[in-house]
Amino acid sequence: MMHVPSMLKSYPKDLGGVDPVKLAACIAACFESAQTCTACADACLSEDSVGELTQCIRTNLDCADLASATGNVLSRHTGYDVNITLSALRACWMVSKACADECEQHADKHEHCRICAEACRRSEQACMDLITALG
């Protein structure tokens, strides 16, 4: 997260009126969620009850892919298109919510699912905050 605000400040042009604090928070939350979901899916694969975690693994991987893609989209500002940004944010918000919901079902048995659910809730909230700010 340390470099995200610095990179936003170093951008040579205007960010188009986007709140840099909310933008930085969302970028960081997306990348944290992507990493956490990838690790959670891997941990699920190591569980003795892996057969019961199929949906969780799938949702983890979908969330990791969309969160990473959204973090990348939010990190680019040249030729900015608010419609593309909003579409990415909505997709990330939706999959973050779905992943948090799924992981919360397993959080009492698997610590990695509890941690993942928390990261996904942060991403979900950060995406919604930025969606609201972008209007």
C-alpha atoms as a PDB file:
ATOM      1  CA  MET A   1       0.000   0.000   0.000  1.00  0.00           C
ATOM      2  CA  MET A   2       2.908   2.343   0.626  1.00  0.00           C
ATOM      3  CA  HIS A   3       3.629   2.920  -3.050  1.00  0.00           C
ATOM      4  CA  VAL A   4       0.043   3.294  -4.227  1.00  0.00           C
ATOM      5  CA  PRO A   5      -0.462   6.875  -2.933  1.00  0.00           C
ATOM      6  CA  SER A   6       3.046   7.835  -4.096  1.00  0.00           C
ATOM      7  CA  MET A   7       2.377   6.541  -7.585  1.00  0.00           C
ATOM      8  CA  LEU A   8      -0.939   8.386  -7.732  1.00  0.00           C
ATOM      9  CA  LYS A   9       0.751  11.620  -6.641  1.00  0.00           C
ATOM     10  CA  SER A  10       3.499  11.165  -9.215  1.00  0.00           C
ATOM     11  CA  TYR A  11       1.065  10.849 -12.122  1.00  0.00           C
ATOM     12  CA  PRO A  12       1.878  13.815 -14.388  1.00  0.00           C
ATOM     13  CA  LYS A  13      -1.719  14.725 -15.228  1.00  0.00           C
ATOM     14  CA  ASP A  14      -4.955  15.278 -13.336  1.00  0.00           C
ATOM     15  CA  LEU A  15      -6.679  12.103 -12.115  1.00  0.00           C
ATOM     16  CA  GLY A  16      -9.977  13.366 -13.487  1.00  0.00           C
ATOM     17  CA  GLY A  17     -11.445  14.416 -10.188  1.00  0.00           C
ATOM     18  CA  VAL A  18     -11.171  10.934  -8.639  1.00  0.00           C
ATOM     19  CA  ASP A  19     -10.602  11.045  -4.876  1.00  0.00           C
ATOM     20  CA  PRO A  20      -6.987   9.848  -4.575  1.00  0.00           C
ATOM     21  CA  VAL A  21      -7.486   8.525  -1.032  1.00  0.00           C
ATOM     22  CA  LYS A  22     -10.453   6.337  -2.038  1.00  0.00           C
ATOM     23  CA  LEU A  23      -8.693   5.305  -5.222  1.00  0.00           C
ATOM     24  CA  ALA A  24      -5.536   4.274  -3.349  1.00  0.00           C
ATOM     25  CA  ALA A  25      -7.567   2.390  -0.745  1.00  0.00           C
ATOM     26  CA  CYS A  26      -9.466   0.517  -3.444  1.00  0.00           C
ATOM     27  CA  ILE A  27      -6.342  -0.407  -5.401  1.00  0.00           C
ATOM     28  CA  ALA A  28      -4.703  -1.741  -2.242  1.00  0.00           C
ATOM     29  CA  ALA A  29      -7.837  -3.623  -1.158  1.00  0.00           C
ATOM     30  CA  CYS A  30      -8.193  -5.233  -4.584  1.00  0.00           C
ATOM     31  CA  PHE A  31      -4.611  -6.481  -4.665  1.00  0.00           C
ATOM     32  CA  GLU A  32      -4.773  -7.666  -1.042  1.00  0.00           C
ATOM     33  CA  SER A  33      -7.976  -9.545  -1.820  1.00  0.00           C
ATOM     34  CA  ALA A  34      -6.438 -11.117  -4.920  1.00  0.00           C
ATOM     35  CA  GLN A  35      -3.473 -12.431  -2.946  1.00  0.00           C
ATOM     36  CA  THR A  36      -5.579 -13.583  -0.013  1.00  0.00           C
ATOM     37  CA  CYS A  37      -8.087 -15.376  -2.243  1.00  0.00           C
ATOM     38  CA  THR A  38      -5.297 -17.154  -4.116  1.00  0.00           C
ATOM     39  CA  ALA A  39      -3.766 -18.289  -0.821  1.00  0.00           C
ATOM     40  CA  CYS A  40      -7.156 -19.349   0.547  1.00  0.00           C
ATOM     41  CA  ALA A  41      -7.898 -21.447  -2.540  1.00  0.00           C
ATOM     42  CA  ASP A  42      -4.527 -23.125  -2.165  1.00  0.00           C
ATOM     43  CA  ALA A  43      -5.133 -23.752   1.543  1.00  0.00           C
ATOM     44  CA  CYS A  44      -8.566 -25.204   0.745  1.00  0.00           C
ATOM     45  CA  LEU A  45      -6.895 -27.631  -1.644  1.00  0.00           C
ATOM     46  CA  SER A  46      -4.728 -28.850   1.236  1.00  0.00           C
ATOM     47  CA  GLU A  47      -7.653 -29.540   3.559  1.00  0.00           C
ATOM     48  CA  ASP A  48      -8.749 -33.122   4.183  1.00  0.00           C
ATOM     49  CA  SER A  49     -12.297 -31.947   3.411  1.00  0.00           C
ATOM     50  CA  VAL A  50     -11.322 -30.512   0.013  1.00  0.00           C
ATOM     51  CA  GLY A  51     -14.398 -32.070  -1.607  1.00  0.00           C
ATOM     52  CA  GLU A  52     -16.621 -29.902   0.577  1.00  0.00           C
ATOM     53  CA  LEU A  53     -14.715 -26.767  -0.454  1.00  0.00           C
ATOM     54  CA  THR A  54     -15.169 -26.937  -4.229  1.00  0.00           C
ATOM     55  CA  GLN A  55     -17.457 -23.891  -4.380  1.00  0.00           C
ATOM     56  CA  CYS A  56     -15.185 -21.979  -2.030  1.00  0.00           C
ATOM     57  CA  ILE A  57     -12.122 -22.709  -4.172  1.00  0.00           C
ATOM     58  CA  ARG A  58     -13.919 -21.685  -7.349  1.00  0.00           C
ATOM     59  CA  THR A  59     -15.180 -18.455  -5.781  1.00  0.00           C
ATOM     60  CA  ASN A  60     -11.721 -17.713  -4.364  1.00  0.00           C
ATOM     61  CA  LEU A  61     -10.147 -18.053  -7.787  1.00  0.00           C
ATOM     62  CA  ASP A  62     -12.835 -15.989  -9.522  1.00  0.00           C
ATOM     63  CA  CYS A  63     -12.420 -13.278  -6.895  1.00  0.00           C
ATOM     64  CA  ALA A  64      -8.628 -13.344  -7.175  1.00  0.00           C
ATOM     65  CA  ASP A  65      -8.799 -12.890 -10.955  1.00  0.00           C
ATOM     66  CA  LEU A  66     -11.365 -10.085 -10.905  1.00  0.00           C
ATOM     67  CA  ALA A  67      -9.765  -8.267  -7.968  1.00  0.00           C
ATOM     68  CA  SER A  68      -6.364  -8.349  -9.651  1.00  0.00           C
ATOM     69  CA  ALA A  69      -7.812  -7.135 -12.950  1.00  0.00           C
ATOM     70  CA  THR A  70      -9.688  -4.342 -11.154  1.00  0.00           C
ATOM     71  CA  GLY A  71      -6.558  -3.262  -9.298  1.00  0.00           C
ATOM     72  CA  ASN A  72      -4.770  -3.093 -12.645  1.00  0.00           C
ATOM     73  CA  VAL A  73      -7.575  -1.103 -14.298  1.00  0.00           C
ATOM     74  CA  LEU A  74      -7.616   1.346 -11.377  1.00  0.00           C
ATOM     75  CA  SER A  75      -3.844   1.765 -11.615  1.00  0.00           C
ATOM     76  CA  ARG A  76      -4.031   3.078 -15.194  1.00  0.00           C
ATOM     77  CA  HIS A  77      -5.150   6.656 -15.838  1.00  0.00           C
ATOM     78  CA  THR A  78      -4.116   7.533 -19.377  1.00  0.00           C
ATOM     79  CA  GLY A  79      -7.181   7.466 -21.621  1.00  0.00           C
ATOM     80  CA  TYR A  80      -9.416   6.995 -18.563  1.00  0.00           C
ATOM     81  CA  ASP A  81     -12.972   5.820 -19.278  1.00  0.00           C
ATOM     82  CA  VAL A  82     -15.308   6.026 -16.271  1.00  0.00           C
ATOM     83  CA  ASN A  83     -17.681   3.434 -17.755  1.00  0.00           C
ATOM     84  CA  ILE A  84     -14.936   0.805 -17.944  1.00  0.00           C
ATOM     85  CA  THR A  85     -13.796   1.684 -14.426  1.00  0.00           C
ATOM     86  CA  LEU A  86     -17.323   1.436 -13.036  1.00  0.00           C
ATOM     87  CA  SER A  87     -17.897  -1.888 -14.779  1.00  0.00           C
ATOM     88  CA  ALA A  88     -14.705  -3.324 -13.288  1.00  0.00           C
ATOM     89  CA  LEU A  89     -15.587  -1.969  -9.851  1.00  0.00           C
ATOM     90  CA  ARG A  90     -19.093  -3.429  -9.970  1.00  0.00           C
ATOM     91  CA  ALA A  91     -17.752  -6.839 -10.983  1.00  0.00           C
ATOM     92  CA  CYS A  92     -15.147  -6.741  -8.234  1.00  0.00           C
ATOM     93  CA  TRP A  93     -17.716  -5.610  -5.678  1.00  0.00           C
ATOM     94  CA  MET A  94     -20.036  -8.468  -6.649  1.00  0.00           C
ATOM     95  CA  VAL A  95     -17.400 -11.206  -6.582  1.00  0.00           C
ATOM     96  CA  SER A  96     -15.872  -9.858  -3.356  1.00  0.00           C
ATOM     97  CA  LYS A  97     -19.269 -10.067  -1.690  1.00  0.00           C
ATOM     98  CA  ALA A  98     -19.860 -13.584  -3.033  1.00  0.00           C
ATOM     99  CA  CYS A  99     -16.432 -14.759  -1.896  1.00  0.00           C
ATOM    100  CA  ALA A 100     -16.829 -13.251   1.569  1.00  0.00           C
ATOM    101  CA  ASP A 101     -20.254 -14.886   1.894  1.00  0.00           C
ATOM    102  CA  GLU A 102     -18.838 -18.256   0.827  1.00  0.00           C
ATOM    103  CA  CYS A 103     -15.743 -18.094   3.028  1.00  0.00           C
ATOM    104  CA  GLU A 104     -17.805 -17.051   6.045  1.00  0.00           C
ATOM    105  CA  GLN A 105     -19.630 -20.385   5.761  1.00  0.00           C
ATOM    106  CA  HIS A 106     -16.311 -22.157   6.433  1.00  0.00           C
ATOM    107  CA  ALA A 107     -14.704 -19.639   8.784  1.00  0.00           C
ATOM    108  CA  ASP A 108     -15.516 -21.600  11.930  1.00  0.00           C
ATOM    109  CA  LYS A 109     -13.537 -24.617  10.619  1.00  0.00           C
ATOM    110  CA  HIS A 110     -10.819 -22.961   8.541  1.00  0.00           C
ATOM    111  CA  GLU A 111      -8.829 -19.924   9.680  1.00  0.00           C
ATOM    112  CA  HIS A 112      -7.760 -19.183   6.095  1.00  0.00           C
ATOM    113  CA  CYS A 113     -11.428 -18.789   5.140  1.00  0.00           C
ATOM    114  CA  ARG A 114     -11.999 -16.363   8.016  1.00  0.00           C
ATOM    115  CA  ILE A 115      -9.016 -14.272   6.924  1.00  0.00           C
ATOM    116  CA  CYS A 116     -10.137 -14.385   3.302  1.00  0.00           C
ATOM    117  CA  ALA A 117     -13.673 -13.308   4.198  1.00  0.00           C
ATOM    118  CA  GLU A 118     -12.250 -10.271   6.018  1.00  0.00           C
ATOM    119  CA  ALA A 119     -10.083  -9.288   3.035  1.00  0.00           C
ATOM    120  CA  CYS A 120     -13.028  -9.704   0.667  1.00  0.00           C
ATOM    121  CA  ARG A 121     -15.255  -7.537   2.870  1.00  0.00           C
ATOM    122  CA  ARG A 122     -12.601  -4.788   2.754  1.00  0.00           C
ATOM    123  CA  SER A 123     -12.459  -5.068  -1.028  1.00  0.00           C
ATOM    124  CA  GLU A 124     -16.246  -5.084  -1.260  1.00  0.00           C
ATOM    125  CA  GLN A 125     -16.453  -1.910   0.835  1.00  0.00           C
ATOM    126  CA  ALA A 126     -13.590  -0.159  -0.968  1.00  0.00           C
ATOM    127  CA  CYS A 127     -15.182  -0.882  -4.352  1.00  0.00           C
ATOM    128  CA  MET A 128     -18.554   0.442  -3.192  1.00  0.00           C
ATOM    129  CA  ASP A 129     -16.923   3.570  -1.734  1.00  0.00           C
ATOM    130  CA  LEU A 130     -15.241   4.291  -5.057  1.00  0.00           C
ATOM    131  CA  ILE A 131     -18.380   3.482  -7.074  1.00  0.00           C
ATOM    132  CA  THR A 132     -20.287   5.963  -4.919  1.00  0.00           C
ATOM    133  CA  ALA A 133     -17.569   8.594  -5.283  1.00  0.00           C
ATOM    134  CA  LEU A 134     -17.523   8.187  -9.073  1.00  0.00           C
ATOM    135  CA  GLY A 135     -21.326   8.421  -9.155  1.00  0.00           C
END
